[in-house]
Amino acid sequence: MNQRIEPSFGGAAPPPLPPRPQSQLPPPKRGMSGCMIVLIVCAALAVPLIGILAAIAIPQYQRYVDRSKALQASMIAQSLRTEVEDLYASDGNCPSDGDIDLQARGVQPNPVIASITFGESGEGRCSVELVLQGQAKLNGKRIVWERDPINDPAEWRCTSDLDELYRPNGCRPL
């Protein structure tokens, strides 16, 4: 049988506890916290890094856009080559500018192409010439697809005054 024995002080209250020693709290910190310093250092390193990446990426992106516009114009010219072939096969002559209805063929006004001309470039060679517009590197430049009837079937050759970097694959020298 467990009995609990309580200490007895003879009816008096227990003695008071000694006072706790007062510890000195450090004074509140003044200035920036460590997190703020890390944030400033990271920002100071990130700004030049972003600038360097932008200096590289923006011109590369612009080249990519210019190349895609030149390729778009060349693809339109390649689709028109079949129209020239058909007219040449039926008439025996190269078509001129009014012979092919571009809108009926699905060629819509395009911000890349300033003009499309058809014609004979000598010795029975038919040509499709596109003059580009827009960006400075494309403005006024030409892509010319020329049909050479000497071979059977006739071969098409591309020439262009575009910079080598912007020429579509079919217009690059071998």
N, C-alpha and C. Protein backbone atom coordinates (compact mmCIF):
# COMPACT_ATOMS: atom_id res chain seq x y z
N MET A 1 0.69 -1.01 0.00
CA MET A 1 0.00 0.00 0.00
C MET A 1 0.82 1.21 0.00
N ASN A 2 0.60 1.70 -0.99
CA ASN A 2 1.41 2.90 -1.21
C ASN A 2 0.73 4.10 -0.59
N GLN A 3 1.47 4.66 0.28
CA GLN A 3 0.98 5.89 0.88
C GLN A 3 1.96 6.98 0.55
N ARG A 4 1.38 8.07 0.34
CA ARG A 4 2.22 9.20 -0.01
C ARG A 4 2.49 10.01 1.23
N ILE A 5 3.74 10.32 1.38
CA ILE A 5 4.12 11.10 2.55
C ILE A 5 4.45 12.49 2.07
N GLU A 6 3.78 13.46 2.64
CA GLU A 6 3.99 14.86 2.27
C GLU A 6 4.91 15.49 3.29
N PRO A 7 5.85 16.28 2.83
CA PRO A 7 6.70 16.96 3.81
C PRO A 7 5.91 18.00 4.57
N SER A 8 6.27 18.15 5.74
CA SER A 8 5.56 19.11 6.58
C SER A 8 6.56 20.12 7.08
N PHE A 9 6.15 21.38 7.00
CA PHE A 9 7.02 22.46 7.47
C PHE A 9 6.46 23.07 8.74
N GLY A 10 5.68 22.35 9.36
CA GLY A 10 5.11 22.84 10.61
C GLY A 10 4.11 23.92 10.36
N GLY A 11 3.35 23.81 9.31
CA GLY A 11 2.31 24.76 9.01
C GLY A 11 2.83 26.01 8.35
N ALA A 12 4.12 26.11 8.15
CA ALA A 12 4.66 27.31 7.52
C ALA A 12 4.86 27.06 6.03
N ALA A 13 4.91 28.09 5.27
CA ALA A 13 5.11 27.98 3.82
C ALA A 13 6.57 27.63 3.53
N PRO A 14 6.77 27.02 2.41
CA PRO A 14 8.16 26.70 2.08
C PRO A 14 8.99 27.97 1.91
N PRO A 15 10.25 27.84 2.06
CA PRO A 15 11.10 29.04 1.95
C PRO A 15 11.11 29.53 0.51
N PRO A 16 11.26 30.80 0.30
CA PRO A 16 11.28 31.35 -1.07
C PRO A 16 12.54 30.89 -1.81
N LEU A 17 12.38 30.79 -3.14
CA LEU A 17 13.51 30.41 -3.98
C LEU A 17 14.46 31.58 -4.12
N PRO A 18 15.71 31.26 -4.26
CA PRO A 18 16.65 32.38 -4.43
C PRO A 18 16.38 33.06 -5.78
N PRO A 19 16.64 34.33 -5.87
CA PRO A 19 16.39 35.04 -7.14
C PRO A 19 17.30 34.51 -8.25
N ARG A 20 16.74 34.45 -9.45
CA ARG A 20 17.53 34.00 -10.61
C ARG A 20 18.49 35.09 -11.01
N PRO A 21 19.63 34.65 -11.43
CA PRO A 21 20.56 35.70 -11.89
C PRO A 21 20.04 36.31 -13.19
N GLN A 22 20.07 37.58 -13.27
CA GLN A 22 19.60 38.29 -14.47
C GLN A 22 20.67 38.18 -15.56
N SER A 23 20.28 37.54 -16.69
CA SER A 23 21.24 37.44 -17.80
C SER A 23 21.10 38.68 -18.65
N GLN A 24 22.20 39.12 -19.12
CA GLN A 24 22.21 40.30 -19.98
C GLN A 24 21.82 39.89 -21.40
N LEU A 25 20.73 40.42 -21.94
CA LEU A 25 20.33 40.15 -23.32
C LEU A 25 21.21 40.99 -24.24
N PRO A 26 21.60 40.39 -25.38
CA PRO A 26 22.40 41.21 -26.30
C PRO A 26 21.55 42.35 -26.83
N PRO A 27 22.18 43.45 -27.12
CA PRO A 27 21.42 44.57 -27.67
C PRO A 27 20.89 44.20 -29.05
N PRO A 28 19.76 44.77 -29.46
CA PRO A 28 19.22 44.45 -30.78
C PRO A 28 20.23 44.81 -31.88
N LYS A 29 20.26 43.96 -32.93
CA LYS A 29 21.20 44.18 -34.02
C LYS A 29 20.75 45.37 -34.85
N ARG A 30 21.72 46.06 -35.31
CA ARG A 30 21.45 47.19 -36.20
C ARG A 30 22.07 46.87 -37.55
N GLY A 31 21.45 47.32 -38.63
CA GLY A 31 21.99 47.06 -39.97
C GLY A 31 21.21 45.96 -40.66
N MET A 32 21.83 45.39 -41.70
CA MET A 32 21.14 44.40 -42.52
C MET A 32 21.31 43.01 -41.94
N SER A 33 20.30 42.22 -42.23
CA SER A 33 20.37 40.83 -41.80
C SER A 33 21.20 40.04 -42.82
N GLY A 34 21.55 38.83 -42.47
CA GLY A 34 22.33 37.99 -43.37
C GLY A 34 21.58 37.67 -44.64
N CYS A 35 20.26 37.49 -44.54
CA CYS A 35 19.45 37.19 -45.74
C CYS A 35 19.48 38.35 -46.72
N MET A 36 19.44 39.55 -46.21
CA MET A 36 19.45 40.72 -47.09
C MET A 36 20.79 40.84 -47.79
N ILE A 37 21.86 40.54 -47.11
CA ILE A 37 23.19 40.62 -47.72
C ILE A 37 23.30 39.56 -48.83
N VAL A 38 22.83 38.35 -48.57
CA VAL A 38 22.86 37.30 -49.59
C VAL A 38 22.04 37.71 -50.80
N LEU A 39 20.89 38.31 -50.59
CA LEU A 39 20.04 38.75 -51.68
C LEU A 39 20.73 39.82 -52.53
N ILE A 40 21.40 40.74 -51.92
CA ILE A 40 22.11 41.80 -52.65
C ILE A 40 23.25 41.21 -53.46
N VAL A 41 23.99 40.28 -52.88
CA VAL A 41 25.11 39.65 -53.60
C VAL A 41 24.58 38.87 -54.80
N CYS A 42 23.51 38.12 -54.61
CA CYS A 42 22.93 37.35 -55.73
C CYS A 42 22.45 38.29 -56.84
N ALA A 43 21.83 39.38 -56.48
CA ALA A 43 21.36 40.34 -57.48
C ALA A 43 22.53 40.97 -58.22
N ALA A 44 23.60 41.26 -57.50
CA ALA A 44 24.78 41.86 -58.13
C ALA A 44 25.42 40.89 -59.11
N LEU A 45 25.33 39.60 -58.87
CA LEU A 45 25.89 38.62 -59.79
C LEU A 45 24.93 38.29 -60.93
N ALA A 46 23.63 38.36 -60.67
CA ALA A 46 22.64 37.98 -61.67
C ALA A 46 22.48 39.03 -62.77
N VAL A 47 22.58 40.29 -62.43
CA VAL A 47 22.36 41.35 -63.43
C VAL A 47 23.38 41.27 -64.57
N PRO A 48 24.67 41.17 -64.30
CA PRO A 48 25.60 41.03 -65.44
C PRO A 48 25.41 39.73 -66.20
N LEU A 49 25.08 38.67 -65.50
CA LEU A 49 24.87 37.39 -66.17
C LEU A 49 23.69 37.48 -67.14
N ILE A 50 22.61 38.08 -66.72
CA ILE A 50 21.44 38.26 -67.59
C ILE A 50 21.80 39.16 -68.77
N GLY A 51 22.59 40.17 -68.53
CA GLY A 51 23.03 41.05 -69.62
C GLY A 51 23.86 40.32 -70.66
N ILE A 52 24.76 39.46 -70.20
CA ILE A 52 25.60 38.70 -71.13
C ILE A 52 24.73 37.73 -71.93
N LEU A 53 23.83 37.04 -71.27
CA LEU A 53 22.95 36.12 -71.98
C LEU A 53 22.08 36.85 -73.01
N ALA A 54 21.59 38.02 -72.65
CA ALA A 54 20.77 38.80 -73.58
C ALA A 54 21.61 39.27 -74.76
N ALA A 55 22.85 39.64 -74.52
CA ALA A 55 23.71 40.10 -75.61
C ALA A 55 23.98 38.99 -76.62
N ILE A 56 23.93 37.76 -76.17
CA ILE A 56 24.15 36.63 -77.06
C ILE A 56 22.83 36.18 -77.68
N ALA A 57 21.78 36.10 -76.87
CA ALA A 57 20.53 35.50 -77.32
C ALA A 57 19.74 36.38 -78.29
N ILE A 58 19.71 37.66 -78.09
CA ILE A 58 18.89 38.53 -78.94
C ILE A 58 19.38 38.53 -80.39
N PRO A 59 20.68 38.69 -80.66
CA PRO A 59 21.11 38.60 -82.07
C PRO A 59 20.89 37.21 -82.69
N GLN A 60 21.08 36.16 -81.90
CA GLN A 60 20.83 34.82 -82.41
C GLN A 60 19.36 34.64 -82.77
N TYR A 61 18.50 35.14 -81.93
CA TYR A 61 17.06 35.05 -82.20
C TYR A 61 16.71 35.83 -83.47
N GLN A 62 17.30 37.01 -83.64
CA GLN A 62 17.01 37.82 -84.83
C GLN A 62 17.49 37.11 -86.09
N ARG A 63 18.66 36.46 -86.03
CA ARG A 63 19.13 35.68 -87.17
C ARG A 63 18.17 34.54 -87.49
N TYR A 64 17.70 33.89 -86.45
CA TYR A 64 16.76 32.79 -86.63
C TYR A 64 15.48 33.28 -87.32
N VAL A 65 14.97 34.42 -86.89
CA VAL A 65 13.75 34.98 -87.49
C VAL A 65 14.00 35.34 -88.95
N ASP A 66 15.13 35.98 -89.24
CA ASP A 66 15.44 36.35 -90.62
C ASP A 66 15.60 35.12 -91.52
N ARG A 67 16.26 34.09 -91.00
CA ARG A 67 16.41 32.86 -91.79
C ARG A 67 15.06 32.21 -92.05
N SER A 68 14.18 32.23 -91.05
CA SER A 68 12.87 31.61 -91.26
C SER A 68 12.04 32.40 -92.27
N LYS A 69 12.19 33.73 -92.29
CA LYS A 69 11.47 34.53 -93.29
C LYS A 69 11.99 34.25 -94.70
N ALA A 70 13.30 34.13 -94.83
CA ALA A 70 13.87 33.80 -96.14
C ALA A 70 13.44 32.41 -96.59
N LEU A 71 13.38 31.48 -95.66
CA LEU A 71 12.93 30.12 -95.99
C LEU A 71 11.45 30.13 -96.39
N GLN A 72 10.65 30.94 -95.70
CA GLN A 72 9.24 31.05 -96.05
C GLN A 72 9.08 31.55 -97.49
N ALA A 73 9.85 32.56 -97.86
CA ALA A 73 9.78 33.09 -99.23
C ALA A 73 10.23 32.04 -100.24
N SER A 74 11.27 31.30 -99.91
CA SER A 74 11.74 30.27 -100.82
C SER A 74 10.72 29.15 -100.98
N MET A 75 10.02 28.81 -99.92
CA MET A 75 8.99 27.77 -100.01
C MET A 75 7.84 28.22 -100.91
N ILE A 76 7.49 29.48 -100.84
CA ILE A 76 6.45 30.01 -101.74
C ILE A 76 6.92 29.92 -103.18
N ALA A 77 8.19 30.27 -103.42
CA ALA A 77 8.73 30.19 -104.78
C ALA A 77 8.76 28.76 -105.27
N GLN A 78 9.10 27.82 -104.39
CA GLN A 78 9.13 26.41 -104.80
C GLN A 78 7.73 25.91 -105.15
N SER A 79 6.73 26.37 -104.43
CA SER A 79 5.37 25.96 -104.77
C SER A 79 4.93 26.55 -106.11
N LEU A 80 5.44 27.72 -106.44
CA LEU A 80 5.09 28.33 -107.72
C LEU A 80 5.83 27.69 -108.89
N ARG A 81 6.91 26.99 -108.60
CA ARG A 81 7.63 26.30 -109.68
C ARG A 81 6.74 25.29 -110.38
N THR A 82 5.89 24.61 -109.64
CA THR A 82 5.01 23.62 -110.28
C THR A 82 4.03 24.30 -111.24
N GLU A 83 3.59 25.50 -110.87
CA GLU A 83 2.71 26.26 -111.76
C GLU A 83 3.45 26.63 -113.05
N VAL A 84 4.69 27.04 -112.91
CA VAL A 84 5.49 27.39 -114.08
C VAL A 84 5.70 26.16 -114.95
N GLU A 85 5.99 25.01 -114.32
CA GLU A 85 6.17 23.76 -115.07
C GLU A 85 4.91 23.41 -115.85
N ASP A 86 3.75 23.54 -115.18
CA ASP A 86 2.50 23.20 -115.85
C ASP A 86 2.23 24.10 -117.05
N LEU A 87 2.43 25.39 -116.88
CA LEU A 87 2.20 26.33 -117.99
C LEU A 87 3.21 26.11 -119.10
N TYR A 88 4.44 25.81 -118.74
CA TYR A 88 5.46 25.57 -119.77
C TYR A 88 5.15 24.29 -120.55
N ALA A 89 4.65 23.29 -119.83
CA ALA A 89 4.31 22.02 -120.49
C ALA A 89 3.13 22.19 -121.44
N SER A 90 2.16 23.04 -121.06
CA SER A 90 0.98 23.20 -121.91
C SER A 90 1.21 24.18 -123.06
N ASP A 91 1.96 25.26 -122.84
CA ASP A 91 2.16 26.28 -123.87
C ASP A 91 3.50 26.20 -124.58
N GLY A 92 4.48 25.64 -123.91
CA GLY A 92 5.83 25.63 -124.48
C GLY A 92 6.56 26.94 -124.25
N ASN A 93 5.94 27.86 -123.50
CA ASN A 93 6.56 29.15 -123.21
C ASN A 93 6.60 29.38 -121.71
N CYS A 94 7.49 30.23 -121.33
CA CYS A 94 7.55 30.61 -119.91
C CYS A 94 6.40 31.57 -119.61
N PRO A 95 5.79 31.43 -118.44
CA PRO A 95 4.72 32.37 -118.10
C PRO A 95 5.29 33.74 -117.78
N SER A 96 4.45 34.75 -118.01
CA SER A 96 4.83 36.10 -117.62
C SER A 96 4.04 36.47 -116.37
N ASP A 97 4.18 37.69 -115.92
CA ASP A 97 3.59 38.08 -114.63
C ASP A 97 2.07 37.91 -114.57
N GLY A 98 1.36 38.13 -115.64
CA GLY A 98 -0.09 38.04 -115.59
C GLY A 98 -0.64 36.64 -115.82
N ASP A 99 0.21 35.69 -116.17
CA ASP A 99 -0.26 34.35 -116.51
C ASP A 99 -0.64 33.50 -115.30
N ILE A 100 -0.09 33.78 -114.16
CA ILE A 100 -0.37 32.99 -112.96
C ILE A 100 -1.10 33.88 -111.96
N ASP A 101 -2.30 33.46 -111.60
CA ASP A 101 -3.09 34.19 -110.61
C ASP A 101 -2.63 33.75 -109.22
N LEU A 102 -1.89 34.61 -108.57
CA LEU A 102 -1.30 34.24 -107.28
C LEU A 102 -2.36 34.02 -106.21
N GLN A 103 -3.38 34.84 -106.19
CA GLN A 103 -4.41 34.68 -105.16
C GLN A 103 -5.19 33.38 -105.35
N ALA A 104 -5.41 32.99 -106.61
CA ALA A 104 -6.09 31.73 -106.87
C ALA A 104 -5.21 30.55 -106.45
N ARG A 105 -3.92 30.74 -106.43
CA ARG A 105 -2.98 29.67 -106.04
C ARG A 105 -2.72 29.66 -104.54
N GLY A 106 -3.40 30.54 -103.81
CA GLY A 106 -3.25 30.54 -102.35
C GLY A 106 -2.10 31.39 -101.85
N VAL A 107 -1.49 32.18 -102.72
CA VAL A 107 -0.40 33.05 -102.28
C VAL A 107 -1.03 34.37 -101.83
N GLN A 108 -1.01 34.59 -100.56
CA GLN A 108 -1.61 35.79 -99.98
C GLN A 108 -0.57 36.90 -99.86
N PRO A 109 -1.01 38.16 -99.75
CA PRO A 109 -0.05 39.22 -99.48
C PRO A 109 0.76 38.87 -98.23
N ASN A 110 2.04 39.09 -98.32
CA ASN A 110 2.95 38.60 -97.30
C ASN A 110 3.85 39.74 -96.84
N PRO A 111 4.08 39.91 -95.54
CA PRO A 111 4.96 40.98 -95.09
C PRO A 111 6.43 40.73 -95.42
N VAL A 112 6.76 39.53 -95.87
CA VAL A 112 8.15 39.21 -96.20
C VAL A 112 8.45 39.45 -97.67
N ILE A 113 7.45 39.24 -98.53
CA ILE A 113 7.67 39.32 -99.97
C ILE A 113 7.15 40.64 -100.52
N ALA A 114 8.04 41.40 -101.14
CA ALA A 114 7.65 42.68 -101.75
C ALA A 114 7.03 42.44 -103.12
N SER A 115 7.62 41.53 -103.90
CA SER A 115 7.06 41.26 -105.23
C SER A 115 7.48 39.86 -105.71
N ILE A 116 6.64 39.32 -106.60
CA ILE A 116 6.93 38.05 -107.25
C ILE A 116 6.78 38.29 -108.75
N THR A 117 7.82 37.95 -109.51
CA THR A 117 7.75 38.12 -110.96
C THR A 117 8.11 36.80 -111.63
N PHE A 118 7.48 36.58 -112.78
CA PHE A 118 7.72 35.40 -113.60
C PHE A 118 8.23 35.89 -114.93
N GLY A 119 9.00 35.06 -115.59
CA GLY A 119 9.45 35.44 -116.92
C GLY A 119 10.49 34.51 -117.47
N GLU A 120 10.95 34.87 -118.66
CA GLU A 120 11.99 34.09 -119.32
C GLU A 120 13.31 34.80 -119.10
N SER A 121 14.29 34.03 -118.72
CA SER A 121 15.60 34.64 -118.44
C SER A 121 16.62 34.29 -119.53
N GLY A 122 16.13 33.87 -120.69
CA GLY A 122 17.02 33.60 -121.82
C GLY A 122 17.20 32.11 -122.05
N GLU A 123 17.32 31.74 -123.33
CA GLU A 123 17.55 30.37 -123.76
C GLU A 123 16.50 29.40 -123.24
N GLY A 124 15.25 29.84 -123.17
CA GLY A 124 14.17 28.97 -122.72
C GLY A 124 14.15 28.72 -121.22
N ARG A 125 14.86 29.51 -120.49
CA ARG A 125 14.90 29.35 -119.04
C ARG A 125 13.81 30.20 -118.42
N CYS A 126 12.96 29.54 -117.67
CA CYS A 126 11.90 30.25 -116.97
C CYS A 126 12.39 30.58 -115.55
N SER A 127 11.88 31.68 -115.01
CA SER A 127 12.32 32.04 -113.66
C SER A 127 11.16 32.54 -112.82
N VAL A 128 11.33 32.33 -111.53
CA VAL A 128 10.43 32.89 -110.51
C VAL A 128 11.33 33.70 -109.61
N GLU A 129 11.06 35.01 -109.54
CA GLU A 129 11.91 35.90 -108.75
C GLU A 129 11.08 36.52 -107.64
N LEU A 130 11.60 36.42 -106.43
CA LEU A 130 10.97 37.05 -105.27
C LEU A 130 11.89 38.13 -104.74
N VAL A 131 11.31 39.30 -104.49
CA VAL A 131 12.05 40.38 -103.86
C VAL A 131 11.53 40.47 -102.43
N LEU A 132 12.45 40.42 -101.47
CA LEU A 132 12.08 40.40 -100.07
C LEU A 132 12.00 41.80 -99.50
N GLN A 133 11.28 41.92 -98.41
CA GLN A 133 11.17 43.19 -97.70
C GLN A 133 11.15 42.91 -96.21
N GLY A 134 11.24 43.95 -95.43
CA GLY A 134 11.15 43.80 -93.98
C GLY A 134 12.44 44.18 -93.31
N GLN A 135 13.06 43.21 -92.63
CA GLN A 135 14.28 43.46 -91.87
C GLN A 135 15.39 43.97 -92.78
N ALA A 136 16.31 44.71 -92.23
CA ALA A 136 17.38 45.32 -93.01
C ALA A 136 18.21 44.29 -93.77
N LYS A 137 18.42 43.13 -93.20
CA LYS A 137 19.25 42.13 -93.85
C LYS A 137 18.51 41.43 -94.99
N LEU A 138 17.20 41.58 -95.06
CA LEU A 138 16.40 40.95 -96.11
C LEU A 138 15.87 41.97 -97.12
N ASN A 139 15.74 43.21 -96.73
CA ASN A 139 15.08 44.22 -97.54
C ASN A 139 15.77 44.41 -98.89
N GLY A 140 15.01 44.21 -99.96
CA GLY A 140 15.52 44.40 -101.31
C GLY A 140 16.32 43.22 -101.86
N LYS A 141 16.53 42.19 -101.08
CA LYS A 141 17.29 41.02 -101.53
C LYS A 141 16.38 40.14 -102.39
N ARG A 142 17.00 39.37 -103.27
CA ARG A 142 16.26 38.57 -104.23
C ARG A 142 16.56 37.08 -104.07
N ILE A 143 15.53 36.29 -104.29
CA ILE A 143 15.67 34.83 -104.42
C ILE A 143 15.10 34.49 -105.79
N VAL A 144 15.92 33.88 -106.64
CA VAL A 144 15.51 33.57 -108.00
C VAL A 144 15.64 32.06 -108.22
N TRP A 145 14.52 31.44 -108.60
CA TRP A 145 14.52 30.03 -109.01
C TRP A 145 14.42 30.03 -110.53
N GLU A 146 15.39 29.37 -111.16
CA GLU A 146 15.46 29.37 -112.62
C GLU A 146 15.38 27.93 -113.14
N ARG A 147 14.50 27.75 -114.12
CA ARG A 147 14.29 26.43 -114.73
C ARG A 147 15.24 26.27 -115.91
N ASP A 148 16.04 25.22 -115.84
CA ASP A 148 16.99 24.92 -116.91
C ASP A 148 16.42 23.77 -117.73
N PRO A 149 15.95 24.04 -118.97
CA PRO A 149 15.27 23.00 -119.76
C PRO A 149 16.23 22.03 -120.43
N ILE A 150 17.52 22.20 -120.30
CA ILE A 150 18.47 21.34 -121.01
C ILE A 150 18.34 19.89 -120.55
N ASN A 151 18.22 19.68 -119.26
CA ASN A 151 18.10 18.32 -118.73
C ASN A 151 16.65 17.86 -118.81
N ASP A 152 16.46 16.56 -118.80
CA ASP A 152 15.10 16.01 -118.78
C ASP A 152 14.97 15.12 -117.56
N PRO A 153 14.20 15.37 -116.58
CA PRO A 153 13.33 16.54 -116.46
C PRO A 153 14.14 17.80 -116.16
N ALA A 154 13.52 18.92 -116.44
CA ALA A 154 14.20 20.20 -116.26
C ALA A 154 14.61 20.38 -114.79
N GLU A 155 15.77 20.96 -114.60
CA GLU A 155 16.27 21.23 -113.25
C GLU A 155 15.97 22.68 -112.88
N TRP A 156 15.76 22.87 -111.61
CA TRP A 156 15.58 24.21 -111.08
C TRP A 156 16.80 24.55 -110.24
N ARG A 157 17.32 25.75 -110.45
CA ARG A 157 18.48 26.21 -109.69
C ARG A 157 18.11 27.51 -108.99
N CYS A 158 18.63 27.64 -107.82
CA CYS A 158 18.34 28.84 -107.03
C CYS A 158 19.59 29.70 -106.94
N THR A 159 19.37 30.99 -107.12
CA THR A 159 20.42 31.97 -106.87
C THR A 159 19.83 33.05 -105.97
N SER A 160 20.69 33.68 -105.23
CA SER A 160 20.20 34.71 -104.31
C SER A 160 21.33 35.66 -103.97
N ASP A 161 20.95 36.90 -103.69
CA ASP A 161 21.95 37.85 -103.21
C ASP A 161 21.87 38.02 -101.69
N LEU A 162 21.17 37.11 -101.04
CA LEU A 162 21.14 37.11 -99.58
C LEU A 162 22.52 36.72 -99.04
N ASP A 163 22.82 37.16 -97.85
CA ASP A 163 24.04 36.69 -97.19
C ASP A 163 23.97 35.17 -97.05
N GLU A 164 25.10 34.54 -97.08
CA GLU A 164 25.17 33.07 -97.00
C GLU A 164 24.40 32.53 -95.80
N LEU A 165 24.44 33.24 -94.70
CA LEU A 165 23.79 32.79 -93.47
C LEU A 165 22.28 32.70 -93.61
N TYR A 166 21.69 33.55 -94.43
CA TYR A 166 20.24 33.64 -94.53
C TYR A 166 19.66 32.85 -95.70
N ARG A 167 20.49 32.33 -96.55
CA ARG A 167 20.00 31.60 -97.72
C ARG A 167 19.39 30.27 -97.31
N PRO A 168 18.27 29.91 -97.92
CA PRO A 168 17.72 28.56 -97.68
C PRO A 168 18.69 27.51 -98.24
N ASN A 169 18.55 26.30 -97.77
CA ASN A 169 19.49 25.23 -98.17
C ASN A 169 19.55 25.04 -99.68
N GLY A 170 18.45 25.15 -100.39
CA GLY A 170 18.44 24.97 -101.83
C GLY A 170 19.17 26.07 -102.58
N CYS A 171 19.43 27.17 -101.93
CA CYS A 171 20.09 28.32 -102.59
C CYS A 171 21.54 28.48 -102.19
N ARG A 172 22.06 27.55 -101.44
CA ARG A 172 23.46 27.65 -101.03
C ARG A 172 24.33 26.96 -102.06
N PRO A 173 25.52 27.54 -102.31
CA PRO A 173 26.41 26.87 -103.26
C PRO A 173 26.88 25.52 -102.69
N LEU A 174 27.11 24.59 -103.58
CA LEU A 174 27.54 23.26 -103.15
C LEU A 174 28.96 23.25 -102.69
